[in-house]
């Protein structure tokens, strides 16, 4: 809906199935039945195959009899028009239709979000970007059919740029904290931002994204929960780090001394579980400014099991500190191409000073100038702010 340069995004398309009166259809969480003697086995099988349920809009004998015929179809927000056509051919169903999303009446409309994708140089061709736009032209190149779970502490799940492929929280309880919420929203946008022509576009806009919150359950359990929700070929993103022994395990405002999560034995085991079942784990190398090959990290901390070996050495690095490679892709922070957004952070993909580095690090991603959903770490909408956090970009 656009009025004089303003837009408001419609919310909640609905698929409605209309039962035949003579079927006397009764729907519940375990399936459908007919009190009129109709054979609904084909309808029941269709709902089970598509993992859908019918939700009656009213009790069986409402004051307006036809109200009992209407059922909301629950279980998906995808392919609603196709499902409506297929439903309309099944026994017991008269017809089905899709209701467009709802818009507010009589409310001041929010400013239209412009297309920010020209700022996303990382979508462009290599070596400056990851060739996402080329990938979109290939079969499967948008990530269609692939699940991605982001392990973090919080997200703005109602952000306007994330709606169509975001399935919600699969584990844990997100924090109510604006800084953490922006951090998680940044990651979701980079991967799965909707390709709508406004706001940003994700690298894999066709992927189905979800989140796993570690507060209350711990990072290892969150990784396990994320991995167990995914089939082989799914992806767990782990954009987190922890204070290491360099500064006595203490958190610092500048994050120096922080290490990748997999240095801790339970997190390492959880990541290995994920990669052993064919799930790809992409993890932050950490912003500690540390050389991960430092002998300091070979020393077994008090409380770690006797069999622990430093996993940051990798299986082939040799020496007493060598531990089993977790199989995760460890990503450091590199400079974007000089001139991006008029700034120069150093040679393209060179290590930024805050990034950890060493033989265990597999790749360098952009560590600055990444245009995505959410505001800045301090809670402000740097690129596009305002009172509505669900429309912030940075």
Protein backbone atom coordinates (compact mmCIF):
# COMPACT_ATOMS: atom_id res chain seq x y z
CA UNK A 1 0.00 0.00 0.00
CA UNK A 2 1.67 3.27 -1.14
CA UNK A 3 0.25 6.75 -0.54
CA UNK A 4 2.25 9.87 -1.49
CA UNK A 5 5.62 8.19 -1.01
CA UNK A 6 4.60 6.24 2.08
CA UNK A 7 4.06 2.51 2.41
CA UNK A 8 2.70 0.08 4.94
CA UNK A 9 3.44 -3.63 4.51
CA UNK A 10 0.40 -5.93 4.60
CA UNK A 11 0.44 -8.49 7.40
CA UNK A 12 -0.84 -12.06 7.42
CA UNK A 13 -2.03 -13.63 4.16
CA UNK A 14 -4.58 -16.33 5.02
CA UNK A 15 -5.66 -19.50 3.25
CA UNK A 16 -9.32 -20.26 3.88
CA UNK A 17 -10.98 -23.60 3.02
CA UNK A 18 -14.77 -23.77 2.70
CA UNK A 19 -16.31 -27.14 3.56
CA UNK A 20 -19.31 -28.62 1.76
CA UNK A 21 -22.38 -28.43 4.03
CA UNK A 22 -23.32 -32.07 3.46
CA UNK A 23 -19.88 -33.26 4.61
CA UNK A 24 -20.50 -31.90 8.14
CA UNK A 25 -16.73 -31.61 8.43
CA UNK A 26 -15.15 -31.67 11.89
CA UNK A 27 -11.48 -30.62 12.09
CA UNK A 28 -9.01 -31.01 14.90
CA UNK A 29 -5.24 -31.20 15.49
CA UNK A 30 -5.20 -34.93 14.61
CA UNK A 31 -7.08 -34.63 11.30
CA UNK A 32 -10.57 -34.34 9.86
CA UNK A 33 -13.71 -36.46 10.01
CA UNK A 34 -17.24 -36.28 8.64
CA UNK A 35 -20.37 -36.61 10.75
CA UNK A 36 -22.29 -36.75 7.47
CA UNK A 37 -20.68 -40.00 6.32
CA UNK A 38 -18.44 -38.45 3.63
CA UNK A 39 -15.14 -40.13 2.78
CA UNK A 40 -12.48 -37.58 3.76
CA UNK A 41 -9.46 -39.91 3.52
CA UNK A 42 -8.02 -38.02 0.52
CA UNK A 43 -8.35 -34.70 2.33
CA UNK A 44 -6.82 -36.16 5.50
CA UNK A 45 -3.87 -37.57 3.51
CA UNK A 46 -3.32 -34.25 1.73
CA UNK A 47 -3.22 -32.34 5.02
CA UNK A 48 -0.81 -34.87 6.53
CA UNK A 49 1.51 -34.84 3.51
CA UNK A 50 1.65 -31.03 3.47
CA UNK A 51 1.84 -30.82 7.28
CA UNK A 52 -1.24 -28.65 7.41
CA UNK A 53 -4.16 -28.46 9.81
CA UNK A 54 -7.65 -27.02 9.43
CA UNK A 55 -8.73 -24.63 12.15
CA UNK A 56 -12.51 -24.05 12.36
CA UNK A 57 -13.45 -20.41 12.46
CA UNK A 58 -16.47 -21.14 14.66
CA UNK A 59 -18.10 -23.90 16.75
CA UNK A 60 -20.10 -26.58 14.97
CA UNK A 61 -23.44 -24.84 15.52
CA UNK A 62 -22.91 -21.07 15.37
CA UNK A 63 -25.76 -18.59 15.18
CA UNK A 64 -24.90 -18.03 11.51
CA UNK A 65 -24.82 -21.60 10.11
CA UNK A 66 -22.49 -20.92 7.17
CA UNK A 67 -19.79 -19.74 9.59
CA UNK A 68 -19.16 -23.39 10.50
CA UNK A 69 -18.06 -24.07 6.91
CA UNK A 70 -14.99 -21.84 7.06
CA UNK A 71 -11.61 -23.22 8.11
CA UNK A 72 -8.29 -21.44 8.30
CA UNK A 73 -5.45 -23.55 6.92
CA UNK A 74 -2.47 -23.51 9.30
CA UNK A 75 1.08 -24.78 8.90
CA UNK A 76 2.68 -22.74 6.12
CA UNK A 77 2.87 -19.29 4.57
CA UNK A 78 4.30 -20.57 1.29
CA UNK A 79 2.59 -21.49 -1.99
CA UNK A 80 -0.82 -20.49 -0.64
CA UNK A 81 -2.33 -19.91 -4.08
CA UNK A 82 -1.25 -23.36 -5.27
CA UNK A 83 -2.57 -24.99 -2.10
CA UNK A 84 -5.90 -23.22 -2.53
CA UNK A 85 -6.33 -24.73 -6.01
CA UNK A 86 -5.45 -28.23 -4.80
CA UNK A 87 -7.69 -28.01 -1.75
CA UNK A 88 -10.66 -27.01 -3.88
CA UNK A 89 -10.55 -30.35 -5.72
CA UNK A 90 -10.69 -32.57 -2.62
CA UNK A 91 -13.77 -34.38 -1.23
CA UNK A 92 -15.48 -32.48 1.53
CA UNK A 93 -14.17 -29.10 0.35
CA UNK A 94 -16.34 -26.77 -1.69
CA UNK A 95 -13.61 -24.24 -2.49
CA UNK A 96 -10.58 -22.45 -1.02
CA UNK A 97 -9.17 -18.97 -1.38
CA UNK A 98 -6.30 -16.77 -0.21
CA UNK A 99 -6.93 -13.53 1.66
CA UNK A 100 -4.32 -10.81 1.12
CA UNK A 101 -2.45 -9.42 4.09
CA UNK A 102 -4.23 -6.91 6.27
CA UNK A 103 -3.48 -3.18 6.33
CA UNK A 104 -4.33 -0.69 9.08
CA UNK A 105 -7.19 1.70 8.35
CA UNK A 106 -6.99 5.33 9.34
CA UNK A 107 -3.39 5.17 10.56
CA UNK A 108 -0.52 7.42 9.60
CA UNK A 109 1.66 5.49 7.19
CA UNK A 110 5.36 4.88 7.67
CA UNK A 111 7.91 6.25 5.18
CA UNK A 112 8.65 3.94 2.27
CA UNK A 113 11.94 2.08 2.67
CA UNK A 114 14.09 2.62 -0.42
CA UNK A 115 16.10 -0.09 -2.17
CA UNK A 116 19.38 -0.30 -0.24
CA UNK A 117 20.84 -3.22 -2.21
CA UNK A 118 23.16 -0.95 -4.29
CA UNK A 119 25.08 -0.50 -1.02
CA UNK A 120 25.58 -4.26 -0.69
CA UNK A 121 28.82 -4.65 -2.60
CA UNK A 122 29.35 -8.07 -1.04
CA UNK A 123 26.55 -9.41 -3.27
CA UNK A 124 28.63 -8.59 -6.35
CA UNK A 125 31.22 -10.56 -8.30
CA UNK A 126 34.40 -11.98 -6.80
CA UNK A 127 36.92 -11.05 -5.62
CA UNK A 128 35.18 -8.06 -4.03
CA UNK A 129 31.95 -9.95 -3.32
CA UNK A 130 30.61 -13.49 -3.13
CA UNK A 131 28.91 -13.55 -6.57
CA UNK A 132 25.45 -13.85 -5.02
CA UNK A 133 23.69 -12.18 -7.94
CA UNK A 134 25.24 -14.70 -10.34
CA UNK A 135 24.30 -17.55 -8.00
CA UNK A 136 20.66 -16.44 -8.04
CA UNK A 137 20.55 -17.22 -11.77
CA UNK A 138 21.49 -20.86 -11.16
CA UNK A 139 19.22 -23.68 -9.95
CA UNK A 140 19.13 -23.58 -6.15
CA UNK A 141 21.25 -20.44 -6.10
CA UNK A 142 18.90 -18.47 -3.87
CA UNK A 143 19.07 -21.12 -1.14
CA UNK A 144 15.61 -22.52 -1.84
CA UNK A 145 15.09 -25.68 0.21
CA UNK A 146 18.01 -24.99 2.56
CA UNK A 147 17.50 -24.29 6.27
CA UNK A 148 19.72 -21.88 8.20
CA UNK A 149 19.59 -21.51 12.00
CA UNK A 150 21.36 -18.53 13.62
CA UNK A 151 22.55 -19.15 17.19
CA UNK A 152 22.54 -15.85 19.10
CA UNK A 153 20.84 -14.12 22.04
CA UNK A 154 18.12 -11.99 20.43
CA UNK A 155 16.60 -10.83 17.13
CA UNK A 156 14.02 -8.38 15.81
CA UNK A 157 11.88 -11.13 14.34
CA UNK A 158 9.27 -8.62 13.19
CA UNK A 159 11.69 -6.71 10.96
CA UNK A 160 10.10 -5.74 7.66
CA UNK A 161 12.99 -7.24 5.67
CA UNK A 162 12.85 -10.73 7.19
CA UNK A 163 9.24 -11.88 7.14
CA UNK A 164 8.65 -14.33 4.33
CA UNK A 165 11.24 -17.04 5.08
CA UNK A 166 11.75 -16.59 8.83
CA UNK A 167 10.23 -19.41 10.88
CA UNK A 168 10.99 -18.12 14.40
CA UNK A 169 12.80 -19.45 17.47
CA UNK A 170 13.51 -23.21 17.60
CA UNK A 171 15.17 -23.23 21.05
CA UNK A 172 15.80 -21.03 24.07
CA UNK A 173 14.36 -17.71 25.19
CA UNK A 174 15.69 -14.54 23.48
CA UNK A 175 16.92 -11.67 25.64
CA UNK A 176 15.08 -8.38 25.72
CA UNK A 177 18.23 -6.39 24.97
CA UNK A 178 18.54 -3.89 22.09
CA UNK A 179 22.27 -4.43 21.46
CA UNK A 180 21.92 -8.22 21.25
CA UNK A 181 18.73 -7.83 19.21
CA UNK A 182 20.52 -5.73 16.62
CA UNK A 183 23.44 -8.16 16.47
CA UNK A 184 21.18 -11.12 15.71
CA UNK A 185 19.14 -9.10 13.22
CA UNK A 186 22.32 -8.16 11.34
CA UNK A 187 23.14 -11.83 10.75
CA UNK A 188 19.61 -12.78 9.69
CA UNK A 189 19.54 -9.96 7.14
CA UNK A 190 22.90 -10.82 5.58
CA UNK A 191 21.70 -14.36 4.92
CA UNK A 192 17.96 -14.24 4.45
CA UNK A 193 16.84 -10.68 3.79
CA UNK A 194 13.77 -10.65 1.54
CA UNK A 195 14.28 -9.77 -2.15
CA UNK A 196 11.41 -7.25 -2.41
CA UNK A 197 12.97 -4.21 -4.07
CA UNK A 198 13.07 -2.25 -0.81
CA UNK A 199 15.52 -2.47 2.06
CA UNK A 200 18.33 -5.02 1.69
CA UNK A 201 18.56 -8.42 -0.02
CA UNK A 202 20.07 -11.49 1.63
CA UNK A 203 22.82 -13.56 0.07
CA UNK A 204 20.41 -16.53 0.11
CA UNK A 205 16.95 -14.92 0.05
CA UNK A 206 15.28 -18.26 -0.73
CA UNK A 207 16.65 -20.02 2.35
CA UNK A 208 14.36 -20.80 5.27
CA UNK A 209 15.85 -19.10 8.36
CA UNK A 210 15.28 -19.77 12.05
CA UNK A 211 16.94 -18.85 15.33
CA UNK A 212 18.19 -20.64 18.45
CA UNK A 213 18.66 -18.54 21.60
CA UNK A 214 21.47 -19.59 23.92
CA UNK A 215 20.49 -17.60 27.07
CA UNK A 216 19.18 -20.01 29.67
CA UNK A 217 20.23 -23.17 27.84
CA UNK A 218 23.89 -22.48 26.99
CA UNK A 219 25.69 -22.28 23.68
CA UNK A 220 26.40 -26.01 23.30
CA UNK A 221 22.77 -26.97 23.80
CA UNK A 222 21.68 -24.21 21.41
CA UNK A 223 24.04 -25.57 18.74
CA UNK A 224 22.70 -29.09 19.29
CA UNK A 225 19.10 -27.89 19.07
CA UNK A 226 19.86 -25.97 15.88
CA UNK A 227 21.67 -28.90 14.27
CA UNK A 228 18.97 -31.39 15.19
CA UNK A 229 16.36 -29.21 13.47
CA UNK A 230 18.25 -29.42 10.18
CA UNK A 231 18.79 -32.18 7.62
CA UNK A 232 22.20 -32.75 6.03
CA UNK A 233 23.08 -29.68 4.00
CA UNK A 234 21.52 -27.29 6.50
CA UNK A 235 23.58 -24.50 8.01
CA UNK A 236 24.18 -23.35 11.59
CA UNK A 237 25.59 -19.84 11.92
CA UNK A 238 27.54 -19.15 15.11
CA UNK A 239 28.45 -15.42 15.22
CA UNK A 240 29.70 -15.50 18.83
CA UNK A 241 32.93 -15.54 20.83
CA UNK A 242 34.04 -15.68 24.49
CA UNK A 243 36.76 -14.09 26.66
CA UNK A 244 39.78 -16.41 26.78
CA UNK A 245 42.69 -16.77 29.20
CA UNK A 246 44.75 -13.87 27.80
CA UNK A 247 43.17 -11.40 30.22
CA UNK A 248 42.13 -13.79 32.96
CA UNK A 249 38.82 -14.81 31.33
CA UNK A 250 37.44 -11.32 31.87
CA UNK A 251 35.26 -9.58 29.32
CA UNK A 252 36.68 -6.30 28.03
CA UNK A 253 34.88 -3.45 26.33
CA UNK A 254 37.27 -3.75 23.37
CA UNK A 255 36.76 -7.58 23.20
CA UNK A 256 40.52 -8.24 23.10
CA UNK A 257 41.43 -11.81 23.99
CA UNK A 258 38.11 -13.33 22.90
CA UNK A 259 38.24 -16.76 21.25
CA UNK A 260 35.95 -18.85 18.99
CA UNK A 261 33.41 -20.88 20.96
CA UNK A 262 34.86 -24.19 19.80
CA UNK A 263 37.90 -23.78 22.06
CA UNK A 264 35.63 -24.88 24.94
CA UNK A 265 35.19 -28.66 24.99
CA UNK A 266 31.37 -28.83 25.21
CA UNK A 267 30.92 -26.33 22.37
CA UNK A 268 33.52 -28.21 20.34
CA UNK A 269 31.65 -31.48 20.87
CA UNK A 270 28.35 -29.84 19.87
CA UNK A 271 29.87 -28.46 16.68
CA UNK A 272 31.38 -31.85 15.85
CA UNK A 273 27.96 -33.44 16.36
CA UNK A 274 26.50 -30.99 13.86
CA UNK A 275 29.18 -31.45 11.22
CA UNK A 276 29.17 -35.25 11.66
CA UNK A 277 25.51 -35.32 10.67
CA UNK A 278 26.21 -33.27 7.55
CA UNK A 279 25.23 -29.84 8.86
CA UNK A 280 27.56 -27.02 7.85
CA UNK A 281 28.63 -24.84 10.79
CA UNK A 282 29.94 -21.37 9.96
CA UNK A 283 31.46 -19.72 13.03
CA UNK A 284 33.13 -16.45 13.90
CA UNK A 285 36.89 -16.63 14.40
CA UNK A 286 36.34 -13.94 17.04
CA UNK A 287 37.17 -10.28 17.46
CA UNK A 288 39.90 -10.75 20.05
CA UNK A 289 42.83 -9.68 17.89
CA UNK A 290 44.47 -12.98 18.84
CA UNK A 291 46.88 -15.23 16.98
CA UNK A 292 45.08 -18.53 17.48
CA UNK A 293 48.32 -20.49 16.92
CA UNK A 294 49.75 -19.02 20.15
CA UNK A 295 51.07 -21.69 22.53
CA UNK A 296 49.00 -20.07 25.27
CA UNK A 297 45.96 -21.86 23.89
CA UNK A 298 47.61 -25.28 24.07
CA UNK A 299 47.63 -25.16 27.88
CA UNK A 300 44.71 -27.13 29.32
CA UNK A 301 42.71 -24.92 31.69
CA UNK A 302 41.70 -26.17 35.12
CA UNK A 303 38.45 -28.07 34.84
CA UNK A 304 38.82 -29.07 31.20
CA UNK A 305 38.91 -32.88 30.79
CA UNK A 306 42.30 -34.57 30.68
CA UNK A 307 41.73 -35.70 27.07
CA UNK A 308 41.17 -32.14 25.83
CA UNK A 309 43.55 -30.84 23.18
CA UNK A 310 43.54 -27.36 21.69
CA UNK A 311 41.13 -27.58 18.71
CA UNK A 312 42.38 -24.30 17.29
CA UNK A 313 45.51 -26.13 16.20
CA UNK A 314 43.48 -28.41 13.94
CA UNK A 315 44.14 -32.07 13.29
CA UNK A 316 47.12 -31.53 10.98
CA UNK A 317 49.05 -28.80 12.75
CA UNK A 318 51.21 -31.14 14.84
CA UNK A 319 52.51 -30.65 18.36
CA UNK A 320 51.17 -31.59 21.76
CA UNK A 321 48.34 -29.09 21.46
CA UNK A 322 46.74 -30.58 18.38
CA UNK A 323 43.06 -31.40 18.77
CA UNK A 324 40.42 -32.79 16.48
CA UNK A 325 39.17 -30.38 13.83
CA UNK A 326 35.53 -29.56 14.55
CA UNK A 327 34.67 -29.38 10.86
CA UNK A 328 33.32 -25.84 11.22
CA UNK A 329 34.21 -23.08 8.76
CA UNK A 330 35.94 -20.42 10.87
CA UNK A 331 35.64 -16.91 9.39
CA UNK A 332 37.75 -13.88 10.24
CA UNK A 333 37.00 -10.21 9.59
CA UNK A 334 38.64 -8.67 6.53
CA UNK A 335 38.59 -5.27 4.88
CA UNK A 336 36.03 -4.63 2.13
CA UNK A 337 37.35 -3.35 -1.21
CA UNK A 338 38.87 0.14 -0.83
CA UNK A 339 36.39 2.86 -1.67
CA UNK A 340 33.34 0.97 -0.37
CA UNK A 341 30.95 3.69 0.84
CA UNK A 342 33.80 6.15 0.30
CA UNK A 343 36.05 4.57 2.93
CA UNK A 344 39.34 2.67 2.91
CA UNK A 345 40.01 0.04 5.58
CA UNK A 346 43.08 -1.45 3.89
CA UNK A 347 43.69 -3.90 1.04
CA UNK A 348 40.70 -5.99 0.01
CA UNK A 349 40.10 -8.83 2.49
CA UNK A 350 43.22 -8.00 4.54
CA UNK A 351 42.81 -8.85 8.22
CA UNK A 352 41.25 -6.09 10.28
CA UNK A 353 43.18 -5.39 13.49
CA UNK A 354 40.44 -6.68 15.79
CA UNK A 355 40.05 -10.04 14.03
CA UNK A 356 41.57 -13.26 15.30
CA UNK A 357 43.90 -14.98 12.84
CA UNK A 358 45.98 -18.12 12.40
CA UNK A 359 46.09 -21.41 10.58
CA UNK A 360 42.69 -22.48 11.86
CA UNK A 361 40.90 -19.55 10.15
CA UNK A 362 39.39 -20.69 6.85
CA UNK A 363 38.12 -17.50 5.23
CA UNK A 364 37.86 -13.72 5.52
CA UNK A 365 34.50 -11.99 5.20
CA UNK A 366 33.78 -8.28 5.17
CA UNK A 367 34.28 -6.91 8.68
CA UNK A 368 33.16 -3.34 7.88
CA UNK A 369 30.61 -1.64 5.59
CA UNK A 370 28.12 -4.53 5.65
CA UNK A 371 24.68 -3.10 4.86
CA UNK A 372 21.99 -5.18 6.56
CA UNK A 373 18.88 -5.21 8.73
CA UNK A 374 18.96 -3.86 12.28
CA UNK A 375 20.58 -0.87 13.92
CA UNK A 376 24.03 -0.28 15.30
CA UNK A 377 25.44 -2.20 18.25
CA UNK A 378 24.48 0.72 20.55
CA UNK A 379 20.82 0.53 19.53
CA UNK A 380 20.70 3.38 17.03
CA UNK A 381 19.56 2.98 13.44
CA UNK A 382 22.70 4.21 11.72
CA UNK A 383 21.68 4.02 8.06
CA UNK A 384 17.94 4.18 8.53
CA UNK A 385 16.55 4.78 12.02
CA UNK A 386 13.40 6.27 13.47
CA UNK A 387 10.99 5.15 16.18
CA UNK A 388 10.15 1.77 14.57
CA UNK A 389 12.93 -0.74 15.27
CA UNK A 390 11.42 -3.12 12.70
CA UNK A 391 12.52 -0.69 9.95
CA UNK A 392 16.11 -0.08 11.04
CA UNK A 393 19.06 -0.67 8.69
CA UNK A 394 22.76 -0.21 9.26
